[in-house]
Every structure is written in structure tokens, then in C-alpha cells.
Amino acid sequence: MLTECLGKEFYSKKVYPYPLKLHGFESEKELEAQLNTASESAYFIPGNGPNYSVKIGRIKMSDKEVQKNF
């Protein structure tokens, strides 16, 4: 159903929507924390094969940043 709304181009680039809770927060800081957590995380969608990989960092990141992502 979501594929029909977003279009096949959205999914052909392997960009998937990330589910977020945007209501029920008592303060703006809680919402901001939720959005920051989502922007800093990896959303894993398994494929059809037996092997999977997830990027947890980039070359320019420090060791501590990669450890935090992991």
C-alpha cells in the first residue's frame, strides 16, 4: 500500500521510509531526541539472501563514532 503512495522510484533506489512516533510527547525536547535518534541510526531491511551487511560508519568517522553506531 505504501509503495503505491510513494511510487516505485522511491523504492527502486532502496530508500525506505523509517517509522517514527511523532505524537504523545510532553515536550519539544523529547520529540527532538526522537528525531535525532532516528537520523543517527541505521534501519535494517533484510533481503532475500543468506548474507546481510549493515554500514555502521564511514572512513572519515573516528573510532568512537563508529563504536557508537555499532
PDB file of N, CA and C in Angstrom:
ATOM      1  N   MET A   1       0.829  -1.184   0.000  1.00  0.00           N
ATOM      2  CA  MET A   1       0.000   0.000   0.000  1.00  0.00           C
ATOM      3  C   MET A   1       0.879   1.255   0.000  1.00  0.00           C
ATOM      4  N   LEU A   2       1.937   1.279   0.819  1.00  0.00           N
ATOM      5  CA  LEU A   2       2.805   2.445   0.871  1.00  0.00           C
ATOM      6  C   LEU A   2       3.570   2.629  -0.436  1.00  0.00           C
ATOM      7  N   THR A   3       3.894   1.516  -1.098  1.00  0.00           N
ATOM      8  CA  THR A   3       4.595   1.588  -2.372  1.00  0.00           C
ATOM      9  C   THR A   3       3.771   2.354  -3.398  1.00  0.00           C
ATOM     10  N   GLU A   4       2.480   2.143  -3.419  1.00  0.00           N
ATOM     11  CA  GLU A   4       1.611   2.835  -4.359  1.00  0.00           C
ATOM     12  C   GLU A   4       1.591   4.340  -4.090  1.00  0.00           C
ATOM     13  N   CYS A   5       1.631   4.733  -2.822  1.00  0.00           N
ATOM     14  CA  CYS A   5       1.586   6.156  -2.476  1.00  0.00           C
ATOM     15  C   CYS A   5       2.904   6.859  -2.792  1.00  0.00           C
ATOM     16  N   LEU A   6       4.027   6.204  -2.497  1.00  0.00           N
ATOM     17  CA  LEU A   6       5.327   6.839  -2.669  1.00  0.00           C
ATOM     18  C   LEU A   6       5.863   6.714  -4.087  1.00  0.00           C
ATOM     19  N   GLY A   7       5.486   5.673  -4.787  1.00  0.00           N
ATOM     20  CA  GLY A   7       5.948   5.469  -6.150  1.00  0.00           C
ATOM     21  C   GLY A   7       7.114   4.505  -6.212  1.00  0.00           C
ATOM     22  N   LYS A   8       7.260   3.846  -7.367  1.00  0.00           N
ATOM     23  CA  LYS A   8       8.293   2.825  -7.499  1.00  0.00           C
ATOM     24  C   LYS A   8       9.692   3.423  -7.518  1.00  0.00           C
ATOM     25  N   GLU A   9       9.841   4.700  -7.907  1.00  0.00           N
ATOM     26  CA  GLU A   9      11.164   5.333  -7.921  1.00  0.00           C
ATOM     27  C   GLU A   9      11.746   5.422  -6.515  1.00  0.00           C
ATOM     28  N   PHE A  10      10.882   5.631  -5.548  1.00  0.00           N
ATOM     29  CA  PHE A  10      11.303   5.733  -4.151  1.00  0.00           C
ATOM     30  C   PHE A  10      11.933   4.420  -3.691  1.00  0.00           C
ATOM     31  N   TYR A  11      11.315   3.308  -4.039  1.00  0.00           N
ATOM     32  CA  TYR A  11      11.802   2.002  -3.620  1.00  0.00           C
ATOM     33  C   TYR A  11      12.893   1.466  -4.536  1.00  0.00           C
ATOM     34  N   SER A  12      12.941   1.875  -5.788  1.00  0.00           N
ATOM     35  CA  SER A  12      13.977   1.377  -6.698  1.00  0.00           C
ATOM     36  C   SER A  12      15.364   1.860  -6.279  1.00  0.00           C
ATOM     37  N   LYS A  13      15.456   2.980  -5.587  1.00  0.00           N
ATOM     38  CA  LYS A  13      16.735   3.489  -5.090  1.00  0.00           C
ATOM     39  C   LYS A  13      17.065   2.905  -3.719  1.00  0.00           C
ATOM     40  N   LYS A  14      16.256   1.953  -3.252  1.00  0.00           N
ATOM     41  CA  LYS A  14      16.414   1.308  -1.951  1.00  0.00           C
ATOM     42  C   LYS A  14      16.419   2.318  -0.805  1.00  0.00           C
ATOM     43  N   VAL A  15      15.522   3.289  -0.901  1.00  0.00           N
ATOM     44  CA  VAL A  15      15.307   4.262   0.165  1.00  0.00           C
ATOM     45  C   VAL A  15      13.941   3.929   0.757  1.00  0.00           C
ATOM     46  N   TYR A  16      13.948   3.495   1.999  1.00  0.00           N
ATOM     47  CA  TYR A  16      12.720   3.052   2.622  1.00  0.00           C
ATOM     48  C   TYR A  16      12.303   4.027   3.714  1.00  0.00           C
ATOM     49  N   PRO A  17      11.016   4.194   3.925  1.00  0.00           N
ATOM     50  CA  PRO A  17      10.556   5.085   4.995  1.00  0.00           C
ATOM     51  C   PRO A  17      10.919   4.516   6.361  1.00  0.00           C
ATOM     52  N   TYR A  18      11.201   5.382   7.287  1.00  0.00           N
ATOM     53  CA  TYR A  18      11.563   4.987   8.648  1.00  0.00           C
ATOM     54  C   TYR A  18      10.392   5.294   9.562  1.00  0.00           C
ATOM     55  N   PRO A  19       9.876   4.311  10.275  1.00  0.00           N
ATOM     56  CA  PRO A  19       8.718   4.572  11.147  1.00  0.00           C
ATOM     57  C   PRO A  19       9.107   5.413  12.356  1.00  0.00           C
ATOM     58  N   LEU A  20       8.392   6.499  12.557  1.00  0.00           N
ATOM     59  CA  LEU A  20       8.662   7.400  13.673  1.00  0.00           C
ATOM     60  C   LEU A  20       7.380   7.668  14.449  1.00  0.00           C
ATOM     61  N   LYS A  21       7.523   7.803  15.741  1.00  0.00           N
ATOM     62  CA  LYS A  21       6.409   8.242  16.578  1.00  0.00           C
ATOM     63  C   LYS A  21       6.546   9.750  16.725  1.00  0.00           C
ATOM     64  N   LEU A  22       5.580  10.503  16.235  1.00  0.00           N
ATOM     65  CA  LEU A  22       5.646  11.962  16.259  1.00  0.00           C
ATOM     66  C   LEU A  22       4.595  12.600  17.152  1.00  0.00           C
ATOM     67  N   HIS A  23       3.862  11.804  17.903  1.00  0.00           N
ATOM     68  CA  HIS A  23       2.818  12.361  18.769  1.00  0.00           C
ATOM     69  C   HIS A  23       2.951  11.794  20.174  1.00  0.00           C
ATOM     70  N   GLY A  24       2.341  12.449  21.137  1.00  0.00           N
ATOM     71  CA  GLY A  24       2.320  11.961  22.505  1.00  0.00           C
ATOM     72  C   GLY A  24       3.522  12.366  23.344  1.00  0.00           C
ATOM     73  N   PHE A  25       4.309  13.309  22.874  1.00  0.00           N
ATOM     74  CA  PHE A  25       5.452  13.772  23.651  1.00  0.00           C
ATOM     75  C   PHE A  25       5.023  14.949  24.518  1.00  0.00           C
ATOM     76  N   GLU A  26       5.590  15.014  25.716  1.00  0.00           N
ATOM     77  CA  GLU A  26       5.220  16.081  26.634  1.00  0.00           C
ATOM     78  C   GLU A  26       5.991  17.370  26.370  1.00  0.00           C
ATOM     79  N   SER A  27       7.157  17.261  25.736  1.00  0.00           N
ATOM     80  CA  SER A  27       7.934  18.468  25.462  1.00  0.00           C
ATOM     81  C   SER A  27       8.573  18.366  24.079  1.00  0.00           C
ATOM     82  N   GLU A  28       9.015  19.508  23.591  1.00  0.00           N
ATOM     83  CA  GLU A  28       9.676  19.538  22.288  1.00  0.00           C
ATOM     84  C   GLU A  28      11.028  18.829  22.339  1.00  0.00           C
ATOM     85  N   LYS A  29      11.658  18.809  23.504  1.00  0.00           N
ATOM     86  CA  LYS A  29      12.960  18.152  23.644  1.00  0.00           C
ATOM     87  C   LYS A  29      12.841  16.643  23.453  1.00  0.00           C
ATOM     88  N   GLU A  30      11.735  16.060  23.912  1.00  0.00           N
ATOM     89  CA  GLU A  30      11.523  14.629  23.708  1.00  0.00           C
ATOM     90  C   GLU A  30      11.359  14.311  22.225  1.00  0.00           C
ATOM     91  N   LEU A  31      10.609  15.135  21.518  1.00  0.00           N
ATOM     92  CA  LEU A  31      10.442  14.960  20.075  1.00  0.00           C
ATOM     93  C   LEU A  31      11.770  15.144  19.361  1.00  0.00           C
ATOM     94  N   GLU A  32      12.530  16.148  19.759  1.00  0.00           N
ATOM     95  CA  GLU A  32      13.835  16.395  19.161  1.00  0.00           C
ATOM     96  C   GLU A  32      14.764  15.199  19.385  1.00  0.00           C
ATOM     97  N   ALA A  33      14.733  14.623  20.569  1.00  0.00           N
ATOM     98  CA  ALA A  33      15.552  13.444  20.865  1.00  0.00           C
ATOM     99  C   ALA A  33      15.144  12.268  19.980  1.00  0.00           C
ATOM    100  N   GLN A  34      13.848  12.085  19.769  1.00  0.00           N
ATOM    101  CA  GLN A  34      13.348  11.006  18.905  1.00  0.00           C
ATOM    102  C   GLN A  34      13.847  11.201  17.481  1.00  0.00           C
ATOM    103  N   LEU A  35      13.767  12.413  16.954  1.00  0.00           N
ATOM    104  CA  LEU A  35      14.210  12.686  15.588  1.00  0.00           C
ATOM    105  C   LEU A  35      15.720  12.530  15.447  1.00  0.00           C
ATOM    106  N   ASN A  36      16.474  12.975  16.441  1.00  0.00           N
ATOM    107  CA  ASN A  36      17.930  12.825  16.394  1.00  0.00           C
ATOM    108  C   ASN A  36      18.335  11.356  16.437  1.00  0.00           C
ATOM    109  N   THR A  37      17.676  10.573  17.260  1.00  0.00           N
ATOM    110  CA  THR A  37      17.970   9.145  17.329  1.00  0.00           C
ATOM    111  C   THR A  37      17.697   8.476  15.989  1.00  0.00           C
ATOM    112  N   ALA A  38      16.601   8.820  15.365  1.00  0.00           N
ATOM    113  CA  ALA A  38      16.257   8.226  14.073  1.00  0.00           C
ATOM    114  C   ALA A  38      17.251   8.633  12.989  1.00  0.00           C
ATOM    115  N   SER A  39      17.692   9.868  13.013  1.00  0.00           N
ATOM    116  CA  SER A  39      18.617  10.325  11.971  1.00  0.00           C
ATOM    117  C   SER A  39      20.007   9.736  12.131  1.00  0.00           C
ATOM    118  N   GLU A  40      20.343   9.285  13.327  1.00  0.00           N
ATOM    119  CA  GLU A  40      21.666   8.731  13.585  1.00  0.00           C
ATOM    120  C   GLU A  40      21.696   7.206  13.518  1.00  0.00           C
ATOM    121  N   SER A  41      20.591   6.565  13.223  1.00  0.00           N
ATOM    122  CA  SER A  41      20.548   5.114  13.256  1.00  0.00           C
ATOM    123  C   SER A  41      20.417   4.519  11.858  1.00  0.00           C
ATOM    124  N   ALA A  42      20.659   3.238  11.764  1.00  0.00           N
ATOM    125  CA  ALA A  42      20.506   2.503  10.511  1.00  0.00           C
ATOM    126  C   ALA A  42      19.244   1.658  10.613  1.00  0.00           C
ATOM    127  N   TYR A  43      18.450   1.691   9.587  1.00  0.00           N
ATOM    128  CA  TYR A  43      17.225   0.905   9.558  1.00  0.00           C
ATOM    129  C   TYR A  43      17.491  -0.307   8.677  1.00  0.00           C
ATOM    130  N   PHE A  44      17.480  -1.495   9.247  1.00  0.00           N
ATOM    131  CA  PHE A  44      17.841  -2.723   8.551  1.00  0.00           C
ATOM    132  C   PHE A  44      16.614  -3.394   7.961  1.00  0.00           C
ATOM    133  N   ILE A  45      16.662  -3.644   6.649  1.00  0.00           N
ATOM    134  CA  ILE A  45      15.616  -4.393   5.971  1.00  0.00           C
ATOM    135  C   ILE A  45      16.279  -5.591   5.309  1.00  0.00           C
ATOM    136  N   PRO A  46      15.980  -6.812   5.769  1.00  0.00           N
ATOM    137  CA  PRO A  46      16.644  -7.988   5.205  1.00  0.00           C
ATOM    138  C   PRO A  46      16.243  -8.235   3.758  1.00  0.00           C
ATOM    139  N   GLY A  47      17.188  -8.742   2.991  1.00  0.00           N
ATOM    140  CA  GLY A  47      16.935  -9.085   1.595  1.00  0.00           C
ATOM    141  C   GLY A  47      16.503 -10.534   1.458  1.00  0.00           C
ATOM    142  N   ASN A  48      16.737 -11.099   0.289  1.00  0.00           N
ATOM    143  CA  ASN A  48      16.304 -12.472   0.021  1.00  0.00           C
ATOM    144  C   ASN A  48      17.439 -13.481   0.105  1.00  0.00           C
ATOM    145  N   GLY A  49      18.637 -13.081   0.466  1.00  0.00           N
ATOM    146  CA  GLY A  49      19.770 -13.996   0.509  1.00  0.00           C
ATOM    147  C   GLY A  49      20.154 -14.384   1.918  1.00  0.00           C
ATOM    148  N   PRO A  50      21.149 -15.278   2.038  1.00  0.00           N
ATOM    149  CA  PRO A  50      21.580 -15.730   3.356  1.00  0.00           C
ATOM    150  C   PRO A  50      22.574 -14.787   4.035  1.00  0.00           C
ATOM    151  N   ASN A  51      23.150 -13.847   3.300  1.00  0.00           N
ATOM    152  CA  ASN A  51      24.161 -12.939   3.846  1.00  0.00           C
ATOM    153  C   ASN A  51      23.624 -11.518   3.902  1.00  0.00           C
ATOM    154  N   TYR A  52      23.941 -10.835   5.008  1.00  0.00           N
ATOM    155  CA  TYR A  52      23.497  -9.458   5.186  1.00  0.00           C
ATOM    156  C   TYR A  52      24.656  -8.594   5.634  1.00  0.00           C
ATOM    157  N   SER A  53      24.606  -7.330   5.299  1.00  0.00           N
ATOM    158  CA  SER A  53      25.608  -6.389   5.799  1.00  0.00           C
ATOM    159  C   SER A  53      24.915  -5.073   6.105  1.00  0.00           C
ATOM    160  N   VAL A  54      25.440  -4.384   7.109  1.00  0.00           N
ATOM    161  CA  VAL A  54      24.908  -3.086   7.510  1.00  0.00           C
ATOM    162  C   VAL A  54      26.084  -2.142   7.668  1.00  0.00           C
ATOM    163  N   LYS A  55      25.997  -0.973   7.042  1.00  0.00           N
ATOM    164  CA  LYS A  55      27.045   0.030   7.208  1.00  0.00           C
ATOM    165  C   LYS A  55      26.911   0.651   8.589  1.00  0.00           C
ATOM    166  N   ILE A  56      28.011   0.697   9.307  1.00  0.00           N
ATOM    167  CA  ILE A  56      27.970   1.297  10.639  1.00  0.00           C
ATOM    168  C   ILE A  56      28.869   2.522  10.727  1.00  0.00           C
ATOM    169  N   GLY A  57      29.535   2.870   9.648  1.00  0.00           N
ATOM    170  CA  GLY A  57      30.416   4.026   9.701  1.00  0.00           C
ATOM    171  C   GLY A  57      30.974   4.383   8.336  1.00  0.00           C
ATOM    172  N   ARG A  58      31.711   5.464   8.334  1.00  0.00           N
ATOM    173  CA  ARG A  58      32.397   5.946   7.137  1.00  0.00           C
ATOM    174  C   ARG A  58      33.865   6.135   7.460  1.00  0.00           C
ATOM    175  N   ILE A  59      34.674   6.258   6.449  1.00  0.00           N
ATOM    176  CA  ILE A  59      36.112   6.378   6.641  1.00  0.00           C
ATOM    177  C   ILE A  59      36.471   7.614   7.454  1.00  0.00           C
ATOM    178  N   LYS A  60      35.757   8.715   7.257  1.00  0.00           N
ATOM    179  CA  LYS A  60      36.109   9.956   7.954  1.00  0.00           C
ATOM    180  C   LYS A  60      35.679   9.978   9.422  1.00  0.00           C
ATOM    181  N   MET A  61      34.950   8.961   9.881  1.00  0.00           N
ATOM    182  CA  MET A  61      34.481   8.912  11.266  1.00  0.00           C
ATOM    183  C   MET A  61      35.594   8.425  12.191  1.00  0.00           C
ATOM    184  N   SER A  62      35.553   8.915  13.427  1.00  0.00           N
ATOM    185  CA  SER A  62      36.526   8.460  14.422  1.00  0.00           C
ATOM    186  C   SER A  62      36.105   7.083  14.952  1.00  0.00           C
ATOM    187  N   ASP A  63      37.018   6.434  15.663  1.00  0.00           N
ATOM    188  CA  ASP A  63      36.723   5.118  16.233  1.00  0.00           C
ATOM    189  C   ASP A  63      35.540   5.172  17.197  1.00  0.00           C
ATOM    190  N   LYS A  64      35.458   6.236  17.988  1.00  0.00           N
ATOM    191  CA  LYS A  64      34.364   6.363  18.960  1.00  0.00           C
ATOM    192  C   LYS A  64      33.019   6.527  18.270  1.00  0.00           C
ATOM    193  N   GLU A  65      32.977   7.262  17.147  1.00  0.00           N
ATOM    194  CA  GLU A  65      31.727   7.431  16.408  1.00  0.00           C
ATOM    195  C   GLU A  65      31.259   6.104  15.816  1.00  0.00           C
ATOM    196  N   VAL A  66      32.190   5.317  15.302  1.00  0.00           N
ATOM    197  CA  VAL A  66      31.834   4.007  14.742  1.00  0.00           C
ATOM    198  C   VAL A  66      31.344   3.083  15.851  1.00  0.00           C
ATOM    199  N   GLN A  67      32.007   3.108  17.002  1.00  0.00           N
ATOM    200  CA  GLN A  67      31.572   2.292  18.133  1.00  0.00           C
ATOM    201  C   GLN A  67      30.172   2.690  18.595  1.00  0.00           C
ATOM    202  N   LYS A  68      29.893   3.981  18.589  1.00  0.00           N
ATOM    203  CA  LYS A  68      28.560   4.456  18.988  1.00  0.00           C
ATOM    204  C   LYS A  68      27.498   3.946  18.002  1.00  0.00           C
ATOM    205  N   ASN A  69      27.827   3.985  16.706  1.00  0.00           N
ATOM    206  CA  ASN A  69      26.882   3.478  15.699  1.00  0.00           C
ATOM    207  C   ASN A  69      26.661   1.986  15.852  1.00  0.00           C
ATOM    208  N   PHE A  70      27.713   1.265  16.185  1.00  0.00           N
ATOM    209  CA  PHE A  70      27.607  -0.178  16.313  1.00  0.00           C
ATOM    210  C   PHE A  70      26.731  -0.546  17.486  1.00  0.00           C
TER     211      PHE A  70
END
